[in-house]
Amino acid sequence: MVQENEIIGLLLGVGILIFILANRSRLVNLPAVRILLASYYILLAAWVLTVLEGFFWGQAINLVEHVCYALSAVLIAVWCWRLCSWKEVE
């Protein structure tokens, strides 16, 4: 069964994806942006899986969803660590 808040979260995530794609040329200036974007894409995949688990393969999709959440969190932590140790090139 799909809950309304899951669908709203997915729609907000897709809206952010559109924003990212529209502003990709500006985002490349961020340090370690590939790690940050990879984390977001994996988080978005988890939100998609949250909705899909309501339709079929509930247990298996739920496991993959939570693995995506964990991997996204690890990538955000790595990005934060890299951001703190990043030195601007002069």
PDB file of N, CA and C in Angstrom:
ATOM      1  N   MET A   1       0.832  -1.177   0.000  1.00  0.00           N
ATOM      2  CA  MET A   1       0.000   0.000   0.000  1.00  0.00           C
ATOM      3  C   MET A   1       0.882   1.247   0.000  1.00  0.00           C
ATOM      4  N   VAL A   2       0.626   2.133  -0.887  1.00  0.00           N
ATOM      5  CA  VAL A   2       1.418   3.353  -1.016  1.00  0.00           C
ATOM      6  C   VAL A   2       0.762   4.446  -0.188  1.00  0.00           C
ATOM      7  N   GLN A   3       1.582   5.147   0.579  1.00  0.00           N
ATOM      8  CA  GLN A   3       1.066   6.248   1.398  1.00  0.00           C
ATOM      9  C   GLN A   3       1.280   7.562   0.666  1.00  0.00           C
ATOM     10  N   GLU A   4       0.439   8.523   1.007  1.00  0.00           N
ATOM     11  CA  GLU A   4       0.483   9.815   0.321  1.00  0.00           C
ATOM     12  C   GLU A   4       1.809  10.530   0.546  1.00  0.00           C
ATOM     13  N   ASN A   5       2.332  10.443   1.762  1.00  0.00           N
ATOM     14  CA  ASN A   5       3.592  11.147   2.045  1.00  0.00           C
ATOM     15  C   ASN A   5       4.756  10.586   1.237  1.00  0.00           C
ATOM     16  N   GLU A   6       4.708   9.318   0.885  1.00  0.00           N
ATOM     17  CA  GLU A   6       5.756   8.730   0.051  1.00  0.00           C
ATOM     18  C   GLU A   6       5.699   9.303  -1.370  1.00  0.00           C
ATOM     19  N   ILE A   7       4.508   9.466  -1.882  1.00  0.00           N
ATOM     20  CA  ILE A   7       4.352  10.029  -3.224  1.00  0.00           C
ATOM     21  C   ILE A   7       4.761  11.495  -3.241  1.00  0.00           C
ATOM     22  N   ILE A   8       4.370  12.237  -2.210  1.00  0.00           N
ATOM     23  CA  ILE A   8       4.757  13.650  -2.124  1.00  0.00           C
ATOM     24  C   ILE A   8       6.268  13.783  -2.017  1.00  0.00           C
ATOM     25  N   GLY A   9       6.896  12.930  -1.218  1.00  0.00           N
ATOM     26  CA  GLY A   9       8.357  12.949  -1.109  1.00  0.00           C
ATOM     27  C   GLY A   9       9.025  12.662  -2.439  1.00  0.00           C
ATOM     28  N   LEU A  10       8.486  11.701  -3.175  1.00  0.00           N
ATOM     29  CA  LEU A  10       9.036  11.385  -4.495  1.00  0.00           C
ATOM     30  C   LEU A  10       8.864  12.554  -5.455  1.00  0.00           C
ATOM     31  N   LEU A  11       7.710  13.189  -5.435  1.00  0.00           N
ATOM     32  CA  LEU A  11       7.487  14.336  -6.321  1.00  0.00           C
ATOM     33  C   LEU A  11       8.435  15.488  -5.980  1.00  0.00           C
ATOM     34  N   LEU A  12       8.646  15.734  -4.715  1.00  0.00           N
ATOM     35  CA  LEU A  12       9.613  16.769  -4.314  1.00  0.00           C
ATOM     36  C   LEU A  12      11.026  16.395  -4.771  1.00  0.00           C
ATOM     37  N   GLY A  13      11.365  15.116  -4.649  1.00  0.00           N
ATOM     38  CA  GLY A  13      12.673  14.654  -5.105  1.00  0.00           C
ATOM     39  C   GLY A  13      12.861  14.814  -6.592  1.00  0.00           C
ATOM     40  N   VAL A  14      11.826  14.548  -7.368  1.00  0.00           N
ATOM     41  CA  VAL A  14      11.897  14.742  -8.819  1.00  0.00           C
ATOM     42  C   VAL A  14      12.035  16.227  -9.143  1.00  0.00           C
ATOM     43  N   GLY A  15      11.350  17.076  -8.372  1.00  0.00           N
ATOM     44  CA  GLY A  15      11.499  18.521  -8.558  1.00  0.00           C
ATOM     45  C   GLY A  15      12.926  18.972  -8.318  1.00  0.00           C
ATOM     46  N   ILE A  16      13.559  18.422  -7.298  1.00  0.00           N
ATOM     47  CA  ILE A  16      14.961  18.749  -7.028  1.00  0.00           C
ATOM     48  C   ILE A  16      15.850  18.228  -8.146  1.00  0.00           C
ATOM     49  N   LEU A  17      15.533  17.053  -8.678  1.00  0.00           N
ATOM     50  CA  LEU A  17      16.298  16.515  -9.804  1.00  0.00           C
ATOM     51  C   LEU A  17      16.218  17.445 -11.005  1.00  0.00           C
ATOM     52  N   ILE A  18      15.035  17.967 -11.284  1.00  0.00           N
ATOM     53  CA  ILE A  18      14.887  18.916 -12.385  1.00  0.00           C
ATOM     54  C   ILE A  18      15.734  20.154 -12.136  1.00  0.00           C
ATOM     55  N   PHE A  19      15.735  20.644 -10.905  1.00  0.00           N
ATOM     56  CA  PHE A  19      16.560  21.794 -10.540  1.00  0.00           C
ATOM     57  C   PHE A  19      18.046  21.489 -10.753  1.00  0.00           C
ATOM     58  N   ILE A  20      18.470  20.300 -10.341  1.00  0.00           N
ATOM     59  CA  ILE A  20      19.878  19.904 -10.503  1.00  0.00           C
ATOM     60  C   ILE A  20      20.244  19.866 -11.987  1.00  0.00           C
ATOM     61  N   LEU A  21      19.390  19.267 -12.792  1.00  0.00           N
ATOM     62  CA  LEU A  21      19.683  19.162 -14.219  1.00  0.00           C
ATOM     63  C   LEU A  21      19.691  20.532 -14.892  1.00  0.00           C
ATOM     64  N   ALA A  22      18.820  21.428 -14.452  1.00  0.00           N
ATOM     65  CA  ALA A  22      18.763  22.766 -15.048  1.00  0.00           C
ATOM     66  C   ALA A  22      19.960  23.620 -14.649  1.00  0.00           C
ATOM     67  N   ASN A  23      20.552  23.345 -13.500  1.00  0.00           N
ATOM     68  CA  ASN A  23      21.661  24.152 -12.988  1.00  0.00           C
ATOM     69  C   ASN A  23      22.970  23.373 -12.920  1.00  0.00           C
ATOM     70  N   ARG A  24      23.074  22.345 -13.720  1.00  0.00           N
ATOM     71  CA  ARG A  24      24.263  21.491 -13.672  1.00  0.00           C
ATOM     72  C   ARG A  24      25.551  22.276 -13.953  1.00  0.00           C
ATOM     73  N   SER A  25      25.486  23.248 -14.850  1.00  0.00           N
ATOM     74  CA  SER A  25      26.693  24.006 -15.179  1.00  0.00           C
ATOM     75  C   SER A  25      27.196  24.821 -13.987  1.00  0.00           C
ATOM     76  N   ARG A  26      26.309  25.238 -13.119  1.00  0.00           N
ATOM     77  CA  ARG A  26      26.721  25.963 -11.914  1.00  0.00           C
ATOM     78  C   ARG A  26      27.207  25.025 -10.824  1.00  0.00           C
ATOM     79  N   LEU A  27      26.629  23.840 -10.761  1.00  0.00           N
ATOM     80  CA  LEU A  27      26.971  22.906  -9.699  1.00  0.00           C
ATOM     81  C   LEU A  27      28.365  22.322  -9.850  1.00  0.00           C
ATOM     82  N   VAL A  28      28.907  22.332 -11.059  1.00  0.00           N
ATOM     83  CA  VAL A  28      30.234  21.746 -11.263  1.00  0.00           C
ATOM     84  C   VAL A  28      31.312  22.516 -10.512  1.00  0.00           C
ATOM     85  N   ASN A  29      30.997  23.719 -10.046  1.00  0.00           N
ATOM     86  CA  ASN A  29      31.973  24.503  -9.294  1.00  0.00           C
ATOM     87  C   ASN A  29      32.088  24.063  -7.838  1.00  0.00           C
ATOM     88  N   LEU A  30      31.176  23.242  -7.372  1.00  0.00           N
ATOM     89  CA  LEU A  30      31.256  22.746  -6.001  1.00  0.00           C
ATOM     90  C   LEU A  30      32.378  21.715  -5.885  1.00  0.00           C
ATOM     91  N   PRO A  31      33.067  21.707  -4.758  1.00  0.00           N
ATOM     92  CA  PRO A  31      34.103  20.690  -4.588  1.00  0.00           C
ATOM     93  C   PRO A  31      33.481  19.298  -4.429  1.00  0.00           C
ATOM     94  N   ALA A  32      34.083  18.329  -5.053  1.00  0.00           N
ATOM     95  CA  ALA A  32      33.652  16.922  -4.998  1.00  0.00           C
ATOM     96  C   ALA A  32      32.177  16.775  -5.329  1.00  0.00           C
ATOM     97  N   VAL A  33      31.737  17.478  -6.358  1.00  0.00           N
ATOM     98  CA  VAL A  33      30.317  17.490  -6.703  1.00  0.00           C
ATOM     99  C   VAL A  33      29.830  16.120  -7.158  1.00  0.00           C
ATOM    100  N   ARG A  34      30.688  15.315  -7.726  1.00  0.00           N
ATOM    101  CA  ARG A  34      30.265  13.988  -8.185  1.00  0.00           C
ATOM    102  C   ARG A  34      29.805  13.121  -7.023  1.00  0.00           C
ATOM    103  N   ILE A  35      30.488  13.222  -5.904  1.00  0.00           N
ATOM    104  CA  ILE A  35      30.086  12.453  -4.727  1.00  0.00           C
ATOM    105  C   ILE A  35      28.738  12.947  -4.214  1.00  0.00           C
ATOM    106  N   LEU A  36      28.569  14.253  -4.169  1.00  0.00           N
ATOM    107  CA  LEU A  36      27.313  14.840  -3.704  1.00  0.00           C
ATOM    108  C   LEU A  36      26.153  14.426  -4.602  1.00  0.00           C
ATOM    109  N   LEU A  37      26.343  14.522  -5.915  1.00  0.00           N
ATOM    110  CA  LEU A  37      25.278  14.150  -6.845  1.00  0.00           C
ATOM    111  C   LEU A  37      24.986  12.651  -6.809  1.00  0.00           C
ATOM    112  N   ALA A  38      26.021  11.848  -6.670  1.00  0.00           N
ATOM    113  CA  ALA A  38      25.808  10.398  -6.563  1.00  0.00           C
ATOM    114  C   ALA A  38      24.972  10.082  -5.328  1.00  0.00           C
ATOM    115  N   SER A  39      25.258  10.766  -4.241  1.00  0.00           N
ATOM    116  CA  SER A  39      24.477  10.572  -3.024  1.00  0.00           C
ATOM    117  C   SER A  39      23.016  10.939  -3.247  1.00  0.00           C
ATOM    118  N   TYR A  40      22.781  12.044  -3.936  1.00  0.00           N
ATOM    119  CA  TYR A  40      21.400  12.446  -4.195  1.00  0.00           C
ATOM    120  C   TYR A  40      20.689  11.462  -5.121  1.00  0.00           C
ATOM    121  N   TYR A  41      21.364  11.014  -6.158  1.00  0.00           N
ATOM    122  CA  TYR A  41      20.743  10.085  -7.097  1.00  0.00           C
ATOM    123  C   TYR A  41      20.369   8.775  -6.392  1.00  0.00           C
ATOM    124  N   ILE A  42      21.226   8.319  -5.502  1.00  0.00           N
ATOM    125  CA  ILE A  42      20.926   7.098  -4.750  1.00  0.00           C
ATOM    126  C   ILE A  42      19.761   7.336  -3.794  1.00  0.00           C
ATOM    127  N   LEU A  43      19.716   8.520  -3.181  1.00  0.00           N
ATOM    128  CA  LEU A  43      18.595   8.863  -2.310  1.00  0.00           C
ATOM    129  C   LEU A  43      17.292   8.909  -3.105  1.00  0.00           C
ATOM    130  N   LEU A  44      17.338   9.476  -4.298  1.00  0.00           N
ATOM    131  CA  LEU A  44      16.161   9.517  -5.158  1.00  0.00           C
ATOM    132  C   LEU A  44      15.727   8.104  -5.541  1.00  0.00           C
ATOM    133  N   ALA A  45      16.678   7.237  -5.802  1.00  0.00           N
ATOM    134  CA  ALA A  45      16.347   5.837  -6.102  1.00  0.00           C
ATOM    135  C   ALA A  45      15.648   5.184  -4.913  1.00  0.00           C
ATOM    136  N   ALA A  46      16.098   5.509  -3.712  1.00  0.00           N
ATOM    137  CA  ALA A  46      15.446   4.966  -2.513  1.00  0.00           C
ATOM    138  C   ALA A  46      14.006   5.446  -2.414  1.00  0.00           C
ATOM    139  N   TRP A  47      13.758   6.714  -2.760  1.00  0.00           N
ATOM    140  CA  TRP A  47      12.385   7.232  -2.726  1.00  0.00           C
ATOM    141  C   TRP A  47      11.517   6.545  -3.770  1.00  0.00           C
ATOM    142  N   VAL A  48      12.082   6.265  -4.942  1.00  0.00           N
ATOM    143  CA  VAL A  48      11.340   5.530  -5.968  1.00  0.00           C
ATOM    144  C   VAL A  48      11.026   4.122  -5.460  1.00  0.00           C
ATOM    145  N   LEU A  49      11.999   3.485  -4.842  1.00  0.00           N
ATOM    146  CA  LEU A  49      11.787   2.139  -4.316  1.00  0.00           C
ATOM    147  C   LEU A  49      10.752   2.126  -3.203  1.00  0.00           C
ATOM    148  N   THR A  50      10.680   3.196  -2.426  1.00  0.00           N
ATOM    149  CA  THR A  50       9.667   3.291  -1.375  1.00  0.00           C
ATOM    150  C   THR A  50       8.268   3.198  -1.972  1.00  0.00           C
ATOM    151  N   VAL A  51       8.059   3.862  -3.082  1.00  0.00           N
ATOM    152  CA  VAL A  51       6.751   3.814  -3.732  1.00  0.00           C
ATOM    153  C   VAL A  51       6.540   2.445  -4.389  1.00  0.00           C
ATOM    154  N   LEU A  52       7.567   1.919  -5.034  1.00  0.00           N
ATOM    155  CA  LEU A  52       7.424   0.641  -5.739  1.00  0.00           C
ATOM    156  C   LEU A  52       7.148  -0.532  -4.814  1.00  0.00           C
ATOM    157  N   GLU A  53       7.673  -0.474  -3.585  1.00  0.00           N
ATOM    158  CA  GLU A  53       7.481  -1.598  -2.681  1.00  0.00           C
ATOM    159  C   GLU A  53       6.010  -1.777  -2.305  1.00  0.00           C
ATOM    160  N   GLY A  54       5.204  -0.743  -2.492  1.00  0.00           N
ATOM    161  CA  GLY A  54       3.777  -0.871  -2.228  1.00  0.00           C
ATOM    162  C   GLY A  54       3.043  -1.665  -3.281  1.00  0.00           C
ATOM    163  N   PHE A  55       3.671  -1.900  -4.430  1.00  0.00           N
ATOM    164  CA  PHE A  55       3.016  -2.609  -5.524  1.00  0.00           C
ATOM    165  C   PHE A  55       3.467  -4.061  -5.662  1.00  0.00           C
ATOM    166  N   PHE A  56       4.747  -4.336  -5.500  1.00  0.00           N
ATOM    167  CA  PHE A  56       5.223  -5.710  -5.672  1.00  0.00           C
ATOM    168  C   PHE A  56       6.561  -5.904  -4.971  1.00  0.00           C
ATOM    169  N   TRP A  57       6.906  -7.147  -4.714  1.00  0.00           N
ATOM    170  CA  TRP A  57       8.168  -7.563  -4.080  1.00  0.00           C
ATOM    171  C   TRP A  57       8.511  -6.720  -2.853  1.00  0.00           C
ATOM    172  N   GLY A  58       7.573  -6.571  -1.961  1.00  0.00           N
ATOM    173  CA  GLY A  58       7.720  -5.690  -0.805  1.00  0.00           C
ATOM    174  C   GLY A  58       8.991  -5.889  -0.007  1.00  0.00           C
ATOM    175  N   GLN A  59       9.278  -7.122   0.388  1.00  0.00           N
ATOM    176  CA  GLN A  59      10.443  -7.394   1.237  1.00  0.00           C
ATOM    177  C   GLN A  59      11.763  -7.109   0.521  1.00  0.00           C
ATOM    178  N   ALA A  60      11.882  -7.579  -0.707  1.00  0.00           N
ATOM    179  CA  ALA A  60      13.138  -7.409  -1.448  1.00  0.00           C
ATOM    180  C   ALA A  60      13.391  -5.935  -1.762  1.00  0.00           C
ATOM    181  N   ILE A  61      12.365  -5.245  -2.213  1.00  0.00           N
ATOM    182  CA  ILE A  61      12.536  -3.828  -2.543  1.00  0.00           C
ATOM    183  C   ILE A  61      12.817  -3.021  -1.286  1.00  0.00           C
ATOM    184  N   ASN A  62      12.194  -3.398  -0.170  1.00  0.00           N
ATOM    185  CA  ASN A  62      12.437  -2.710   1.088  1.00  0.00           C
ATOM    186  C   ASN A  62      13.903  -2.835   1.503  1.00  0.00           C
ATOM    187  N   LEU A  63      14.482  -4.008   1.307  1.00  0.00           N
ATOM    188  CA  LEU A  63      15.894  -4.211   1.632  1.00  0.00           C
ATOM    189  C   LEU A  63      16.781  -3.324   0.768  1.00  0.00           C
ATOM    190  N   VAL A  64      16.539  -3.314  -0.537  1.00  0.00           N
ATOM    191  CA  VAL A  64      17.341  -2.490  -1.446  1.00  0.00           C
ATOM    192  C   VAL A  64      17.158  -1.008  -1.120  1.00  0.00           C
ATOM    193  N   GLU A  65      15.935  -0.619  -0.773  1.00  0.00           N
ATOM    194  CA  GLU A  65      15.659   0.767  -0.396  1.00  0.00           C
ATOM    195  C   GLU A  65      16.529   1.195   0.790  1.00  0.00           C
ATOM    196  N   HIS A  66      16.572   0.359   1.815  1.00  0.00           N
ATOM    197  CA  HIS A  66      17.352   0.721   3.003  1.00  0.00           C
ATOM    198  C   HIS A  66      18.855   0.679   2.744  1.00  0.00           C
ATOM    199  N   VAL A  67      19.293  -0.182   1.844  1.00  0.00           N
ATOM    200  CA  VAL A  67      20.701  -0.175   1.441  1.00  0.00           C
ATOM    201  C   VAL A  67      21.019   1.145   0.730  1.00  0.00           C
ATOM    202  N   CYS A  68      20.082   1.610  -0.094  1.00  0.00           N
ATOM    203  CA  CYS A  68      20.267   2.901  -0.781  1.00  0.00           C
ATOM    204  C   CYS A  68      20.357   4.043   0.225  1.00  0.00           C
ATOM    205  N   TYR A  69      19.497   4.033   1.238  1.00  0.00           N
ATOM    206  CA  TYR A  69      19.561   5.076   2.274  1.00  0.00           C
ATOM    207  C   TYR A  69      20.925   5.064   2.966  1.00  0.00           C
ATOM    208  N   ALA A  70      21.403   3.876   3.309  1.00  0.00           N
ATOM    209  CA  ALA A  70      22.690   3.768   3.992  1.00  0.00           C
ATOM    210  C   ALA A  70      23.831   4.236   3.090  1.00  0.00           C
ATOM    211  N   LEU A  71      23.825   3.816   1.843  1.00  0.00           N
ATOM    212  CA  LEU A  71      24.877   4.217   0.912  1.00  0.00           C
ATOM    213  C   LEU A  71      24.852   5.723   0.667  1.00  0.00           C
ATOM    214  N   SER A  72      23.669   6.293   0.551  1.00  0.00           N
ATOM    215  CA  SER A  72      23.549   7.739   0.373  1.00  0.00           C
ATOM    216  C   SER A  72      24.121   8.477   1.581  1.00  0.00           C
ATOM    217  N   ALA A  73      23.838   7.983   2.770  1.00  0.00           N
ATOM    218  CA  ALA A  73      24.356   8.615   3.989  1.00  0.00           C
ATOM    219  C   ALA A  73      25.877   8.528   4.051  1.00  0.00           C
ATOM    220  N   VAL A  74      26.436   7.392   3.646  1.00  0.00           N
ATOM    221  CA  VAL A  74      27.890   7.237   3.636  1.00  0.00           C
ATOM    222  C   VAL A  74      28.512   8.214   2.632  1.00  0.00           C
ATOM    223  N   LEU A  75      27.906   8.332   1.465  1.00  0.00           N
ATOM    224  CA  LEU A  75      28.442   9.259   0.461  1.00  0.00           C
ATOM    225  C   LEU A  75      28.353  10.714   0.922  1.00  0.00           C
ATOM    226  N   ILE A  76      27.275  11.076   1.605  1.00  0.00           N
ATOM    227  CA  ILE A  76      27.179  12.433   2.150  1.00  0.00           C
ATOM    228  C   ILE A  76      28.273  12.661   3.192  1.00  0.00           C
ATOM    229  N   ALA A  77      28.523  11.660   4.028  1.00  0.00           N
ATOM    230  CA  ALA A  77      29.587  11.785   5.028  1.00  0.00           C
ATOM    231  C   ALA A  77      30.951  11.941   4.357  1.00  0.00           C
ATOM    232  N   VAL A  78      31.192  11.177   3.298  1.00  0.00           N
ATOM    233  CA  VAL A  78      32.458  11.292   2.559  1.00  0.00           C
ATOM    234  C   VAL A  78      32.556  12.671   1.928  1.00  0.00           C
ATOM    235  N   TRP A  79      31.457  13.160   1.365  1.00  0.00           N
ATOM    236  CA  TRP A  79      31.471  14.495   0.764  1.00  0.00           C
ATOM    237  C   TRP A  79      31.768  15.561   1.813  1.00  0.00           C
ATOM    238  N   CYS A  80      31.151  15.462   2.966  1.00  0.00           N
ATOM    239  CA  CYS A  80      31.413  16.426   4.043  1.00  0.00           C
ATOM    240  C   CYS A  80      32.873  16.373   4.483  1.00  0.00           C
ATOM    241  N   TRP A  81      33.420  15.162   4.581  1.00  0.00           N
ATOM    242  CA  TRP A  81      34.823  15.016   4.969  1.00  0.00           C
ATOM    243  C   TRP A  81      35.733  15.636   3.913  1.00  0.00           C
ATOM    244  N   ARG A  82      35.442  15.373   2.655  1.00  0.00           N
ATOM    245  CA  ARG A  82      36.243  15.948   1.574  1.00  0.00           C
ATOM    246  C   ARG A  82      36.093  17.466   1.522  1.00  0.00           C
ATOM    247  N   LEU A  83      34.899  17.962   1.813  1.00  0.00           N
ATOM    248  CA  LEU A  83      34.654  19.393   1.815  1.00  0.00           C
ATOM    249  C   LEU A  83      35.479  20.080   2.907  1.00  0.00           C
ATOM    250  N   CYS A  84      35.565  19.454   4.067  1.00  0.00           N
ATOM    251  CA  CYS A  84      36.337  20.034   5.174  1.00  0.00           C
ATOM    252  C   CYS A  84      37.838  20.014   4.897  1.00  0.00           C
ATOM    253  N   SER A  85      38.287  19.045   4.123  1.00  0.00           N
ATOM    254  CA  SER A  85      39.723  18.963   3.833  1.00  0.00           C
ATOM    255  C   SER A  85      40.080  19.588   2.494  1.00  0.00           C
ATOM    256  N   TRP A  86      39.106  20.180   1.808  1.00  0.00           N
ATOM    257  CA  TRP A  86      39.325  20.772   0.483  1.00  0.00           C
ATOM    258  C   TRP A  86      40.005  22.118   0.623  1.00  0.00           C
ATOM    259  N   LYS A  87      40.996  22.347  -0.209  1.00  0.00           N
ATOM    260  CA  LYS A  87      41.703  23.616  -0.233  1.00  0.00           C
ATOM    261  C   LYS A  87      41.543  24.210  -1.612  1.00  0.00           C
ATOM    262  N   GLU A  88      41.155  25.454  -1.639  1.00  0.00           N
ATOM    263  CA  GLU A  88      40.945  26.130  -2.918  1.00  0.00           C
ATOM    264  C   GLU A  88      42.272  26.338  -3.623  1.00  0.00           C
ATOM    265  N   VAL A  89      42.312  26.028  -4.896  1.00  0.00           N
ATOM    266  CA  VAL A  89      43.508  26.210  -5.707  1.00  0.00           C
ATOM    267  C   VAL A  89      43.585  27.684  -6.122  1.00  0.00           C
ATOM    268  N   GLU A  90      44.730  28.270  -5.905  1.00  0.00           N
ATOM    269  CA  GLU A  90      44.901  29.687  -6.242  1.00  0.00           C
ATOM    270  C   GLU A  90      45.579  29.848  -7.576  1.00  0.00           C
TER     271      GLU A  90
END
